[in-house]
Structure formats: structure tokens, C-alpha cells
Amino acid sequence: MVRLCMGVLWGTLAVAPAFAAPVAGNGTDGLATIKALHIETGTLALVEFTDSATMQVPKGKPLANLPPRTMVKIVLNPAKGSNINVEVWLPAAGKWNGRFLGLGNGGAAGSINPGGLAGACSGGYAVATTDMGTAPNADSGIGNPEVWKDFGFRATHLMTVVGKQVVKAYYGKDPELSYFNGGSTGGQQALQEAQRYPEDYDGIVANIPAHCRTPLHAYFLWNDQILRKCPFTEAQQKNIILAGNEYMASRELPQTAGKLVSDPRCDQKDIEAVIKLAREKDPTLTDAHAEALRKLFDGPRHTVTGERIFCGIPFGSSFNIAHGHLYLFKWVFGADKDLAQIDFGKDLDTYTAALGPYLNAENPDLTRFAQRGGKLIMASGSADSCVPYHASLDYYERVAETFGSLDKVRSFFRFYIIPGMSHGPGPGINRLPSWLDLVIAWREKGAVPDKVQGQRVVDGKTELDIPLYPYPAKTAWTSETGFKPVDGPRGGVDRVAARFRPPAAE
């Protein structure tokens, strides 16, 4: 999985805490006040001020142009078997913008990304992030339910609590407002915060969110098993992508027709048509390939009941990031389990019961978050086969069902599907405004994010510049009016069966 907020592990933290002398202007009592903090179920491992503009990063490029900052490292152990690393960066008091920012992680987490902390601190934020309790790697979760809880929800909430505690000690006051920004696994963290701990943040960005977590990894396994038995060459994949783009061109704007798929919602008839067109383009695609494509585009179903587990690979997207990422199955079945032999019946039921209540962020009742004035922006890429858009679209619809109307949801929650975007920028739209800036402006100034400008920039040249509107609106174009929003269809994706989205548990 693309690691949107990844970094390097900052050590075992088994060393004695290091404390530097306070610097004038760094809060009422500065570092000494942080040193005196009582951290519930945790310990301070480092409190250090530095004005060095550079920082060496193990296994990464050195960071440059850093501001003067205080860095705080904390280890939390809320339960036996739990070990959560948290890092907080604090700009000088005169540079602090009064806001606290929580940053999400990526993939299986397990380390801290100093680059994300550096960027936020340079922007004036008191910022925190966590390794989610999975250091040194994903194998830490094998047979350890405490790690499951940490990765699912606990590490992010405790990071937020202790991060705000450090902020108050350093600056002598609480943050005026708090925001969370995360993508991929960070999007799971974002929605867990909105659902479980609505008091933590005033505004939240859930970008390409892996919130329907256990069904998503079942999708990875489904694709993995199919592609191992029937692999596709890069040339074949390219022709399949081209077939999807060409078949869906009649539903596109003139500016994007044949180049990408803005809205990949489809039915079985569409799937058969794309397979037929792909085979016309590429005679090397066999009957076995065609059968594999039917399963890949349709997605996993329970082998006994036929219930929907997750949807399939979207038209116009790569297969390369749609499989692998199978560590969750090792967490449940052990390191020696032959993952190729896991079935989508009894085994899937065992896996869901073990992890679903902790990892999935699927509760559509955001009443408490809305009532406190919280604002939430969620975005998915139409060409993302790593975290496909389907479950996020359906989640938005389930929130609307819970609130009784789309208008009520739109007052605090907007969802964008970005045309041709994969798991991160490109291959379609690759430049967008800052979602964090948008959610802050919405929360603080009432500036509703009812349109964003998306661009595709190649070699410094803008190939596409197009307004994008939040779901269910779509972008339309005529030579007379230019671009404008129109009402788009609602739903149109299969809902993951409820039993694969079990109720949340602590």
C-alpha cells in the first residue's frame, strides 16, 4: 500500500530521557513544564529544543529548511502487549498558529514520518503523529489483539490526548482548534476519530480512506489468489486499462473521454463489454484471462452465502496495487498460514470476527461530530485500485440514510471522487488544493467546499484544468456554458454485507 504518511522508526526509546534547557519565547515554562508532565500509561522518552535547520533521516533524504522547534517523543503502554510511539513537534510560541494537528500514517504503519511533522511545524502547527503501535513491522500484530486495537483506533486517540497535553504544558493554554489530516490508513484513522471520538477534532480530512478495512484486505487476498493462478503481463494490463477508458468514453466529458474514467460505476453488462473490447485489443488474452477479469472486476463474494464482501477493481485502474498487503490474515491465522489456501467462507468469517470490530470505521452515525460543529472532507480516486471508491461512496450514502437527508449531511460532510486519480496524485488529476486548508476554512470561516479545481500537469504544462464538485454532483460541459455542476446518480455500488462490517468494539 502506498505509505502516504510514512517515515522512519525513531528507535526503541530504551534510552534515558534527554532534556535541553528552555529557550525564551517557547511557552510559559517551556521544556521544564513538559518534563514535569504525568503521562498516563506512558513515559517521556525525549524532550529537546533545536534550532538546527537540517535533520538527518535514517534511510531517507535529509530534511532542510526546518524551523526552530521542540521535539517530544513519548511511549504509551495502555495494556500489556501494547507499545505505541508518539512524536510531537512544537514551533516557537511566537510562530504557533494556535492549532493542533494530528497526522495519519500509512500502510501497516510501524514508524514515524519526520517529513510530515516538519512540514506541519513549518506551517505553524503544533503537530503529532504515531506509529500506531505496530513497530517494528506488521508482524507485531500476529496473535496480539492489543496491537489490533492500537492499529484500529486506540493509538490515534491516545496520541491526540497526549499531544494536546503537551501543547497545553508548553504554551500554557489549550489549542484553539484541532484538526486531523490522513490518507489511506490515515483515512481509516480519520474516520475512526469522527465516529469514536468526535470531541478530539474540529475538522477532519479522510483522504483515500481505508476505512472498510477487513473487507478491503479480503479484496486484496481475492485479487492475489486470482492473479497468482492467472497472471497478466504489463502489456495486457495496459490494454485492459485502455479498453475500460474507451468503453466508458461515451459517459465522459470531451476533455477526458478515452483518457480516464471519472465515474467507474458499472454493472455486469459493462464488465462483459470491457472484457470483449480488451480481447479485441489484445489477442493474447485467453478464456482463462477473461474469467479472471470477471472475478477481478466483480470483487469478492462469500463462497457459501454469495454475500458481497467488497467490490472489484475499477475500470481504468492498474492491477499492480490491487493485491498483496496480506498482513492482517497473518495477524489472525499466524505467520505460517498458507494464505493461498484461505477460503472466502469459514476462514473469512473467522478473520472478520477477530479484526472487524477494531479495524473497521463503518459507523454512519456522526451525530455527535456534527452537533459540535465538526467538518469532514473525504476524497477517493476513481482510478484507485488500492483503496477503491466503492465503500467510501456507500459509507456516505449510509450516513445520509442515518441523518434522513443528503442536505443534512452536506452541512458538515462532503465527499469528492477525483477523476482518474489513483492512490495518490495521477494518472488523471494530479494537482488539487489542500484538503486541510479547505476543511479549516470551512470550520473557521464558513467557506463551504462546494467546488475544487483539479488539474493534470505533465512536465510543468497543464493538460487538464477542470472544476470538480462533491458527490453526487458531477461536472458537465457544453460549448455554450462551459463547465457546470449537474445532479449525478446516487448509489450504484453494491453494499458490503452488514456481517462483514460488525459493530465497533473497544
Protein backbone atom coordinates (compact mmCIF):
# COMPACT_ATOMS: atom_id res chain seq x y z
CA MET A 1 0.00 0.00 0.00
CA VAL A 2 1.22 3.49 -0.74
CA ARG A 3 2.54 4.96 2.52
CA LEU A 4 1.15 8.49 2.47
CA CYS A 5 2.40 9.45 5.90
CA MET A 6 5.37 7.17 6.34
CA GLY A 7 8.77 7.76 7.87
CA VAL A 8 11.49 6.02 9.78
CA LEU A 9 11.33 4.38 13.18
CA TRP A 10 12.93 6.68 15.71
CA GLY A 11 14.43 3.95 17.84
CA THR A 12 13.48 1.67 20.65
CA LEU A 13 13.28 4.57 23.12
CA ALA A 14 15.01 2.48 25.74
CA VAL A 15 17.43 5.32 26.47
CA ALA A 16 17.14 7.80 29.32
CA PRO A 17 15.13 10.96 28.51
CA ALA A 18 17.17 13.88 27.18
CA PHE A 19 16.07 17.38 28.13
CA ALA A 20 17.52 20.63 26.80
CA ALA A 21 17.36 23.98 28.54
CA PRO A 22 14.27 26.13 27.84
CA VAL A 23 14.57 28.89 25.26
CA ALA A 24 12.96 32.29 25.75
CA GLY A 25 9.62 32.58 23.98
CA ASN A 26 8.94 28.84 23.90
CA GLY A 27 5.93 28.89 26.24
CA THR A 28 5.32 29.84 29.86
CA ASP A 29 7.56 27.22 31.43
CA GLY A 30 8.81 25.65 28.23
CA LEU A 31 10.59 22.35 28.32
CA ALA A 32 10.68 22.11 32.08
CA THR A 33 6.88 22.03 32.19
CA ILE A 34 6.78 19.21 29.66
CA LYS A 35 9.40 17.34 31.66
CA ALA A 36 7.15 17.53 34.72
CA LEU A 37 4.12 16.08 32.91
CA HIS A 38 2.46 12.93 34.16
CA ILE A 39 1.73 10.79 31.10
CA GLU A 40 -0.95 8.23 31.91
CA THR A 41 0.20 4.72 30.95
CA GLY A 42 3.23 6.24 29.25
CA THR A 43 6.68 7.77 29.60
CA LEU A 44 8.52 10.71 28.10
CA ALA A 45 11.48 9.47 26.07
CA LEU A 46 12.79 12.75 24.67
CA VAL A 47 12.16 16.46 25.13
CA GLU A 48 14.54 18.54 23.09
CA PHE A 49 14.73 22.02 21.63
CA THR A 50 16.76 22.56 18.47
CA ASP A 51 17.22 25.43 16.08
CA SER A 52 19.05 23.29 13.53
CA ALA A 53 17.65 23.87 10.06
CA THR A 54 18.59 20.35 8.93
CA MET A 55 17.86 16.86 10.17
CA GLN A 56 19.31 13.52 9.16
CA VAL A 57 16.73 10.85 8.42
CA PRO A 58 17.81 7.19 8.51
CA LYS A 59 17.13 5.53 5.14
CA GLY A 60 15.81 8.82 3.78
CA LYS A 61 16.88 12.17 2.40
CA PRO A 62 17.97 14.78 4.95
CA LEU A 63 15.34 17.36 5.84
CA ALA A 64 16.22 21.01 5.25
CA ASN A 65 14.83 24.49 6.00
CA LEU A 66 13.40 23.34 9.32
CA PRO A 67 12.18 25.93 11.85
CA PRO A 68 13.31 26.14 15.48
CA ARG A 69 11.25 23.51 17.29
CA THR A 70 10.77 21.45 20.38
CA MET A 71 10.50 17.72 19.75
CA VAL A 72 8.79 15.42 22.22
CA LYS A 73 8.81 11.62 22.00
CA ILE A 74 6.51 9.50 24.13
CA VAL A 75 5.95 5.78 24.59
CA LEU A 76 2.45 4.66 25.60
CA ASN A 77 1.64 1.24 27.07
CA PRO A 78 -2.12 1.24 27.76
CA ALA A 79 -2.20 -2.57 28.01
CA LYS A 80 0.17 -5.50 28.20
CA GLY A 81 1.28 -6.19 24.65
CA SER A 82 0.73 -2.59 23.56
CA ASN A 83 3.66 -0.29 22.69
CA ILE A 84 2.70 2.96 20.95
CA ASN A 85 5.27 5.54 19.83
CA VAL A 86 4.11 9.15 19.59
CA GLU A 87 6.03 12.19 18.42
CA VAL A 88 5.04 15.84 18.87
CA TRP A 89 6.72 18.85 17.26
CA LEU A 90 6.12 22.34 18.65
CA PRO A 91 7.03 25.58 16.89
CA ALA A 92 8.23 28.53 18.97
CA ALA A 93 5.39 30.28 20.79
CA GLY A 94 5.57 33.30 18.52
CA LYS A 95 5.21 31.09 15.45
CA TRP A 96 2.37 28.87 16.71
CA ASN A 97 -0.90 29.38 14.86
CA GLY A 98 -2.92 28.21 17.85
CA ARG A 99 -3.95 24.95 16.18
CA PHE A 100 -3.21 21.31 16.97
CA LEU A 101 -2.81 18.96 14.01
CA GLY A 102 -2.93 15.17 14.14
CA LEU A 103 -1.30 13.39 11.21
CA GLY A 104 -2.23 9.96 9.92
CA ASN A 105 0.13 7.15 8.98
CA GLY A 106 0.11 4.73 6.04
CA GLY A 107 0.11 1.04 5.21
CA ALA A 108 0.82 -1.10 8.27
CA ALA A 109 2.42 1.97 9.94
CA GLY A 110 5.17 0.95 12.40
CA SER A 111 7.29 4.10 12.14
CA ILE A 112 7.17 7.88 12.41
CA ASN A 113 7.39 10.19 9.40
CA PRO A 114 9.53 13.22 10.33
CA GLY A 115 8.84 14.81 6.94
CA GLY A 116 5.15 15.19 7.73
CA LEU A 117 5.94 16.64 11.13
CA ALA A 118 8.44 19.04 9.61
CA GLY A 119 6.02 20.39 7.02
CA ALA A 120 3.27 20.96 9.55
CA CYS A 121 5.58 22.55 12.11
CA SER A 122 6.93 24.90 9.43
CA GLY A 123 3.32 25.91 8.81
CA GLY A 124 2.91 26.93 12.45
CA TYR A 125 1.05 23.85 13.72
CA ALA A 126 1.69 22.01 16.96
CA VAL A 127 1.66 18.58 15.34
CA ALA A 128 1.61 14.95 16.47
CA THR A 129 1.71 11.56 14.84
CA THR A 130 2.02 7.91 15.91
CA ASP A 131 3.45 4.63 14.66
CA MET A 132 0.03 3.11 15.59
CA GLY A 133 1.68 0.54 17.80
CA THR A 134 2.92 -1.72 15.00
CA ALA A 135 6.69 -1.19 15.32
CA PRO A 136 9.00 -2.64 14.21
CA ASN A 137 6.80 -4.06 11.43
CA ALA A 138 3.43 -5.58 10.67
CA ASP A 139 4.38 -8.92 12.25
CA SER A 140 3.91 -7.25 15.64
CA GLY A 141 0.19 -7.86 15.22
CA ILE A 142 0.42 -11.64 14.83
CA GLY A 143 -1.79 -13.13 17.55
CA ASN A 144 -1.79 -9.86 19.53
CA PRO A 145 -5.27 -8.32 19.96
CA GLU A 146 -3.80 -5.31 21.78
CA VAL A 147 -1.94 -4.34 18.60
CA TRP A 148 -5.19 -4.81 16.67
CA LYS A 149 -6.86 -2.27 18.95
CA ASP A 150 -3.93 0.13 18.73
CA PHE A 151 -3.79 -0.03 14.94
CA GLY A 152 -7.55 0.17 14.62
CA PHE A 153 -8.32 3.15 16.85
CA ARG A 154 -6.57 3.36 20.22
CA ALA A 155 -3.15 4.69 19.19
CA THR A 156 -4.63 7.62 17.27
CA HIS A 157 -6.90 8.69 20.12
CA LEU A 158 -4.19 8.40 22.76
CA MET A 159 -1.80 10.32 20.50
CA THR A 160 -4.39 13.08 20.36
CA VAL A 161 -4.92 13.16 24.12
CA VAL A 162 -1.23 13.22 25.00
CA GLY A 163 -0.43 15.61 22.15
CA LYS A 164 -2.87 18.17 23.48
CA GLN A 165 -1.49 17.63 26.98
CA VAL A 166 1.99 18.50 25.71
CA VAL A 167 0.65 21.56 23.85
CA LYS A 168 -1.01 22.95 26.97
CA ALA A 169 2.10 22.40 29.06
CA TYR A 170 4.34 24.11 26.53
CA TYR A 171 2.24 27.11 25.54
CA GLY A 172 0.28 27.50 28.76
CA LYS A 173 -3.07 27.04 27.03
CA ASP A 174 -5.10 24.55 25.04
CA PRO A 175 -5.15 24.70 21.25
CA GLU A 176 -7.88 26.95 19.93
CA LEU A 177 -8.93 24.36 17.33
CA SER A 178 -7.76 20.86 16.40
CA TYR A 179 -7.59 19.17 13.01
CA PHE A 180 -6.72 15.71 11.68
CA ASN A 181 -5.27 15.02 8.24
CA GLY A 182 -4.75 11.48 6.98
CA GLY A 183 -4.76 9.41 3.82
CA SER A 184 -5.04 5.65 3.17
CA THR A 185 -4.51 4.11 6.61
CA GLY A 186 -4.61 7.73 7.77
CA GLY A 187 -8.10 7.91 6.29
CA GLN A 188 -9.11 4.96 8.46
CA GLN A 189 -7.69 6.86 11.45
CA ALA A 190 -9.61 9.97 10.40
CA LEU A 191 -12.99 8.25 10.26
CA GLN A 192 -12.35 6.32 13.48
CA GLU A 193 -11.80 9.67 15.18
CA ALA A 194 -15.03 11.14 13.78
CA GLN A 195 -17.00 8.05 14.79
CA ARG A 196 -15.48 7.02 18.13
CA TYR A 197 -14.01 10.26 19.49
CA PRO A 198 -15.91 13.18 17.93
CA GLU A 199 -14.63 15.54 20.62
CA ASP A 200 -10.99 15.11 19.52
CA TYR A 201 -11.05 17.20 16.35
CA ASP A 202 -12.93 20.20 14.95
CA GLY A 203 -12.15 19.34 11.34
CA ILE A 204 -11.04 16.12 9.67
CA VAL A 205 -9.62 15.14 6.27
CA ALA A 206 -10.12 11.49 5.30
CA ASN A 207 -8.27 11.13 2.01
CA ILE A 208 -8.40 7.86 0.01
CA PRO A 209 -9.58 6.26 3.27
CA ALA A 210 -9.00 2.57 4.02
CA HIS A 211 -11.91 2.64 6.48
CA CYS A 212 -13.70 -0.55 5.37
CA ARG A 213 -10.55 -2.29 6.47
CA THR A 214 -11.17 -6.00 6.81
CA PRO A 215 -13.31 -6.25 3.64
CA LEU A 216 -10.63 -4.25 1.80
CA HIS A 217 -7.91 -6.73 2.75
CA ALA A 218 -10.24 -9.58 1.73
CA TYR A 219 -10.35 -7.85 -1.67
CA PHE A 220 -6.54 -7.82 -1.69
CA LEU A 221 -6.46 -11.55 -0.96
CA TRP A 222 -9.16 -12.31 -3.54
CA ASN A 223 -7.16 -10.49 -6.22
CA ASP A 224 -3.90 -12.05 -5.04
CA GLN A 225 -5.22 -15.59 -5.35
CA ILE A 226 -6.67 -14.90 -8.82
CA LEU A 227 -3.56 -13.18 -10.16
CA ARG A 228 -1.26 -15.92 -8.87
CA LYS A 229 -3.23 -18.51 -10.83
CA CYS A 230 -3.70 -16.33 -13.90
CA PRO A 231 -1.09 -13.55 -14.17
CA PHE A 232 -1.33 -10.67 -16.63
CA THR A 233 1.64 -9.09 -18.38
CA GLU A 234 2.17 -5.33 -18.21
CA ALA A 235 1.16 -5.09 -21.87
CA GLN A 236 -2.07 -6.99 -21.18
CA GLN A 237 -2.85 -4.76 -18.22
CA LYS A 238 -2.27 -1.67 -20.35
CA ASN A 239 -4.72 -2.91 -22.96
CA ILE A 240 -7.31 -3.72 -20.30
CA ILE A 241 -6.98 -0.18 -18.91
CA LEU A 242 -7.31 1.24 -22.42
CA ALA A 243 -10.40 -0.89 -23.01
CA GLY A 244 -12.02 0.43 -19.85
CA ASN A 245 -11.24 4.02 -20.78
CA GLU A 246 -12.52 3.55 -24.34
CA TYR A 247 -15.73 1.75 -23.35
CA MET A 248 -16.60 4.40 -20.74
CA ALA A 249 -15.70 7.33 -23.06
CA SER A 250 -19.33 7.95 -24.04
CA ARG A 251 -20.07 8.82 -20.39
CA GLU A 252 -17.17 11.27 -20.15
CA LEU A 253 -16.58 14.95 -20.80
CA PRO A 254 -14.96 15.73 -24.16
CA GLN A 255 -11.84 16.76 -22.25
CA THR A 256 -11.45 13.35 -20.57
CA ALA A 257 -13.12 10.92 -22.99
CA GLY A 258 -10.89 7.93 -23.68
CA LYS A 259 -8.20 9.22 -21.31
CA LEU A 260 -9.63 8.22 -17.93
CA VAL A 261 -12.78 7.03 -16.19
CA SER A 262 -14.31 9.72 -13.99
CA ASP A 263 -17.15 7.56 -12.73
CA PRO A 264 -16.36 3.82 -12.89
CA ARG A 265 -19.70 2.61 -11.55
CA CYS A 266 -20.73 -0.33 -13.71
CA ASP A 267 -22.85 -3.46 -13.98
CA GLN A 268 -22.29 -6.98 -15.29
CA LYS A 269 -23.13 -5.91 -18.83
CA ASP A 270 -20.41 -3.28 -18.69
CA ILE A 271 -17.92 -5.81 -17.34
CA GLU A 272 -18.58 -8.20 -20.23
CA ALA A 273 -18.28 -5.36 -22.74
CA VAL A 274 -14.91 -4.23 -21.37
CA ILE A 275 -13.60 -7.81 -21.39
CA LYS A 276 -14.74 -8.22 -25.01
CA LEU A 277 -13.10 -4.96 -26.05
CA ALA A 278 -9.89 -5.83 -24.22
CA ARG A 279 -9.65 -9.16 -26.03
CA GLU A 280 -10.18 -7.40 -29.34
CA LYS A 281 -7.29 -5.10 -28.49
CA ASP A 282 -5.07 -7.90 -27.21
CA PRO A 283 -5.44 -11.40 -28.75
CA THR A 284 -3.10 -12.81 -26.09
CA LEU A 285 -5.92 -12.55 -23.54
CA THR A 286 -7.28 -16.08 -23.21
CA ASP A 287 -10.54 -17.52 -21.94
CA ALA A 288 -8.79 -18.00 -18.60
CA HIS A 289 -7.89 -14.32 -18.56
CA ALA A 290 -11.49 -13.42 -19.34
CA GLU A 291 -12.76 -15.50 -16.42
CA ALA A 292 -10.17 -13.95 -14.13
CA LEU A 293 -11.26 -10.48 -15.25
CA ARG A 294 -14.90 -11.27 -14.42
CA LYS A 295 -13.86 -12.09 -10.86
CA LEU A 296 -11.47 -9.14 -10.54
CA PHE A 297 -14.00 -6.58 -11.79
CA ASP A 298 -16.87 -8.06 -9.77
CA GLY A 299 -14.97 -8.45 -6.49
CA PRO A 300 -15.09 -10.98 -3.64
CA ARG A 301 -18.26 -12.72 -2.52
CA HIS A 302 -18.78 -15.22 0.27
CA THR A 303 -18.39 -18.71 -1.16
CA VAL A 304 -21.25 -20.14 0.90
CA THR A 305 -23.83 -17.35 1.02
CA GLY A 306 -22.86 -15.31 -2.04
CA GLU A 307 -22.93 -12.12 0.05
CA ARG A 308 -20.91 -9.12 -1.08
CA ILE A 309 -17.58 -8.84 0.77
CA PHE A 310 -16.14 -5.96 -1.26
CA CYS A 311 -16.47 -4.59 -4.78
CA GLY A 312 -13.99 -5.12 -7.61
CA ILE A 313 -11.15 -3.35 -9.37
CA PRO A 314 -12.43 -0.14 -11.01
CA PHE A 315 -12.26 0.24 -14.78
CA GLY A 316 -9.25 2.25 -15.90
CA SER A 317 -7.04 1.36 -12.94
CA SER A 318 -3.90 -0.75 -12.51
CA PHE A 319 -3.89 -4.26 -11.06
CA ASN A 320 -0.43 -3.77 -9.54
CA ILE A 321 -1.59 -2.14 -6.29
CA ALA A 322 -4.77 -4.20 -6.00
CA HIS A 323 -3.20 -7.20 -4.28
CA GLY A 324 -0.67 -8.07 -1.59
CA HIS A 325 -0.95 -6.25 1.77
CA LEU A 326 -1.91 -9.55 3.43
CA TYR A 327 -0.50 -8.99 6.93
CA LEU A 328 -3.96 -8.86 8.54
CA PHE A 329 -4.50 -12.53 7.71
CA LYS A 330 -1.22 -13.39 9.44
CA TRP A 331 -2.46 -11.49 12.49
CA VAL A 332 -5.38 -13.90 12.77
CA PHE A 333 -4.08 -17.18 11.30
CA GLY A 334 -0.38 -16.98 12.20
CA ALA A 335 2.87 -16.44 10.35
CA ASP A 336 2.96 -19.96 8.91
CA LYS A 337 -0.52 -19.94 7.37
CA ASP A 338 -0.55 -20.58 3.61
CA LEU A 339 -2.51 -17.54 2.51
CA ALA A 340 -3.23 -19.09 -0.87
CA GLN A 341 -5.36 -21.67 0.94
CA ILE A 342 -7.54 -19.21 2.87
CA ASP A 343 -11.13 -19.59 1.75
CA PHE A 344 -13.85 -16.99 1.47
CA GLY A 345 -16.26 -18.93 3.61
CA LYS A 346 -15.40 -20.11 7.12
CA ASP A 347 -11.91 -18.56 7.10
CA LEU A 348 -13.29 -15.19 6.10
CA ASP A 349 -15.85 -15.41 8.91
CA THR A 350 -13.09 -16.12 11.46
CA TYR A 351 -10.98 -13.25 10.18
CA THR A 352 -13.89 -10.79 10.22
CA ALA A 353 -14.95 -11.69 13.75
CA ALA A 354 -11.39 -11.23 15.04
CA LEU A 355 -10.46 -7.91 13.42
CA GLY A 356 -13.60 -6.22 12.13
CA PRO A 357 -14.80 -4.72 15.43
CA TYR A 358 -11.45 -2.96 15.94
CA LEU A 359 -10.22 -2.01 12.47
CA ASN A 360 -13.34 -1.05 10.55
CA ALA A 361 -14.52 2.56 10.70
CA GLU A 362 -18.03 1.97 9.41
CA ASN A 363 -20.42 3.57 11.91
CA PRO A 364 -22.60 6.02 9.91
CA ASP A 365 -23.89 7.85 12.99
CA LEU A 366 -21.81 11.03 13.05
CA THR A 367 -24.40 12.92 15.09
CA ARG A 368 -22.05 13.93 17.91
CA PHE A 369 -19.39 15.13 15.48
CA ALA A 370 -21.94 17.20 13.56
CA GLN A 371 -23.54 18.64 16.69
CA ARG A 372 -20.23 20.01 17.95
CA GLY A 373 -19.68 21.84 14.65
CA GLY A 374 -17.18 19.38 13.19
CA LYS A 375 -16.42 19.46 9.46
CA LEU A 376 -15.30 16.46 7.42
CA ILE A 377 -13.95 16.14 3.89
CA MET A 378 -13.50 12.70 2.33
CA ALA A 379 -11.98 12.04 -1.10
CA SER A 380 -11.38 8.97 -3.26
CA GLY A 381 -9.71 8.47 -6.64
CA SER A 382 -11.77 6.98 -9.43
CA ALA A 383 -8.70 5.03 -10.65
CA ASP A 384 -7.57 3.85 -7.22
CA SER A 385 -7.40 0.05 -7.15
CA CYS A 386 -5.58 0.02 -3.79
CA VAL A 387 -8.46 1.59 -1.86
CA PRO A 388 -11.31 1.69 -4.38
CA TYR A 389 -14.01 4.33 -4.07
CA HIS A 390 -16.97 1.93 -3.69
CA ALA A 391 -17.02 1.52 0.10
CA SER A 392 -16.50 5.25 0.70
CA LEU A 393 -19.35 6.18 -1.64
CA ASP A 394 -21.62 3.70 0.12
CA TYR A 395 -20.48 4.94 3.52
CA TYR A 396 -21.51 8.45 2.53
CA GLU A 397 -24.90 7.13 1.46
CA ARG A 398 -25.32 5.28 4.75
CA VAL A 399 -24.53 8.49 6.65
CA ALA A 400 -27.25 10.20 4.58
CA GLU A 401 -29.69 7.40 5.46
CA THR A 402 -28.83 7.81 9.14
CA PHE A 403 -29.41 11.58 9.07
CA GLY A 404 -32.53 11.29 6.95
CA SER A 405 -31.41 13.51 4.09
CA LEU A 406 -28.41 14.37 1.96
CA ASP A 407 -28.77 18.08 2.76
CA LYS A 408 -28.26 17.44 6.47
CA VAL A 409 -25.06 15.54 5.73
CA ARG A 410 -23.77 18.13 3.29
CA SER A 411 -23.92 20.71 6.06
CA PHE A 412 -20.86 19.11 7.70
CA PHE A 413 -19.55 16.32 5.43
CA ARG A 414 -18.50 16.49 1.76
CA PHE A 415 -17.22 13.63 -0.42
CA TYR A 416 -15.23 14.02 -3.63
CA ILE A 417 -14.41 11.38 -6.25
CA ILE A 418 -11.35 12.63 -8.13
CA PRO A 419 -11.33 11.69 -11.85
CA GLY A 420 -8.51 9.40 -12.86
CA MET A 421 -6.68 9.70 -9.55
CA SER A 422 -5.03 6.58 -8.21
CA HIS A 423 -3.77 6.00 -4.66
CA GLY A 424 -2.29 9.47 -4.63
CA PRO A 425 -1.83 12.03 -7.45
CA GLY A 426 -2.22 10.82 -11.04
CA PRO A 427 -2.56 9.30 -13.53
CA GLY A 428 -5.55 11.60 -14.18
CA ILE A 429 -5.94 14.60 -11.88
CA ASN A 430 -2.59 15.07 -10.12
CA ARG A 431 -2.90 18.54 -8.60
CA LEU A 432 -5.55 19.64 -6.13
CA PRO A 433 -5.97 22.31 -3.47
CA SER A 434 -5.01 21.40 0.09
CA TRP A 435 -7.85 19.46 1.69
CA LEU A 436 -6.59 20.59 5.08
CA ASP A 437 -6.80 24.26 4.09
CA LEU A 438 -10.31 23.66 2.79
CA VAL A 439 -11.57 21.99 5.95
CA ILE A 440 -10.03 24.74 8.09
CA ALA A 441 -11.68 27.46 6.01
CA TRP A 442 -14.99 25.60 6.26
CA ARG A 443 -14.77 25.20 10.02
CA GLU A 444 -13.43 28.66 10.83
CA LYS A 445 -14.86 30.90 8.12
CA GLY A 446 -17.91 29.03 6.86
CA ALA A 447 -16.35 28.70 3.39
CA VAL A 448 -18.25 25.66 2.08
CA PRO A 449 -16.05 23.44 -0.17
CA ASP A 450 -18.66 23.12 -2.91
CA LYS A 451 -16.09 23.16 -5.73
CA VAL A 452 -12.38 22.46 -6.14
CA GLN A 453 -10.18 22.96 -9.16
CA GLY A 454 -8.40 19.83 -10.35
CA GLN A 455 -5.52 19.79 -12.78
CA ARG A 456 -3.39 17.34 -14.66
CA VAL A 457 0.10 18.77 -15.01
CA VAL A 458 2.76 16.97 -17.06
CA ASP A 459 6.31 18.30 -17.40
CA GLY A 460 5.19 21.62 -16.00
CA LYS A 461 2.37 22.02 -18.53
CA THR A 462 -1.31 21.94 -17.59
CA GLU A 463 -3.04 19.35 -19.78
CA LEU A 464 -6.38 19.49 -17.97
CA ASP A 465 -7.93 22.15 -15.72
CA ILE A 466 -11.40 21.25 -14.53
CA PRO A 467 -13.79 22.16 -11.71
CA LEU A 468 -14.83 19.23 -9.50
CA TYR A 469 -17.95 19.08 -7.39
CA PRO A 470 -18.78 16.99 -4.32
CA TYR A 471 -20.79 13.78 -4.71
CA PRO A 472 -23.40 13.29 -6.02
CA ALA A 473 -22.88 16.31 -8.29
CA LYS A 474 -20.89 15.78 -11.48
CA THR A 475 -19.04 18.10 -13.81
CA ALA A 476 -20.80 18.77 -17.12
CA TRP A 477 -19.64 20.80 -20.11
CA THR A 478 -21.18 22.39 -23.19
CA SER A 479 -19.66 24.80 -25.70
CA GLU A 480 -22.31 27.34 -24.71
CA THR A 481 -22.00 27.25 -20.94
CA GLY A 482 -18.57 25.73 -20.33
CA PHE A 483 -18.18 23.66 -17.15
CA LYS A 484 -21.06 23.45 -14.70
CA PRO A 485 -22.33 21.11 -11.97
CA VAL A 486 -25.20 18.73 -12.66
CA ASP A 487 -27.00 16.21 -10.47
CA GLY A 488 -25.33 12.83 -10.67
CA PRO A 489 -26.73 9.40 -9.81
CA ARG A 490 -26.86 8.23 -6.21
CA GLY A 491 -25.53 4.89 -5.04
CA GLY A 492 -24.82 2.47 -7.84
CA VAL A 493 -22.34 0.27 -5.96
CA ASP A 494 -23.04 -2.98 -4.14
CA ARG A 495 -23.15 -2.58 -0.38
CA VAL A 496 -20.72 -4.66 1.62
CA ALA A 497 -22.88 -7.11 3.56
CA ALA A 498 -23.54 -5.96 7.12
CA ARG A 499 -21.97 -9.00 8.72
CA PHE A 500 -18.61 -8.12 7.19
CA ARG A 501 -18.93 -4.73 8.91
CA PRO A 502 -19.55 -5.86 12.53
CA PRO A 503 -20.29 -3.25 15.20
CA ALA A 504 -17.33 -1.45 16.71
CA ALA A 505 -15.86 -2.79 19.96
CA GLU A 506 -13.36 -1.43 22.47
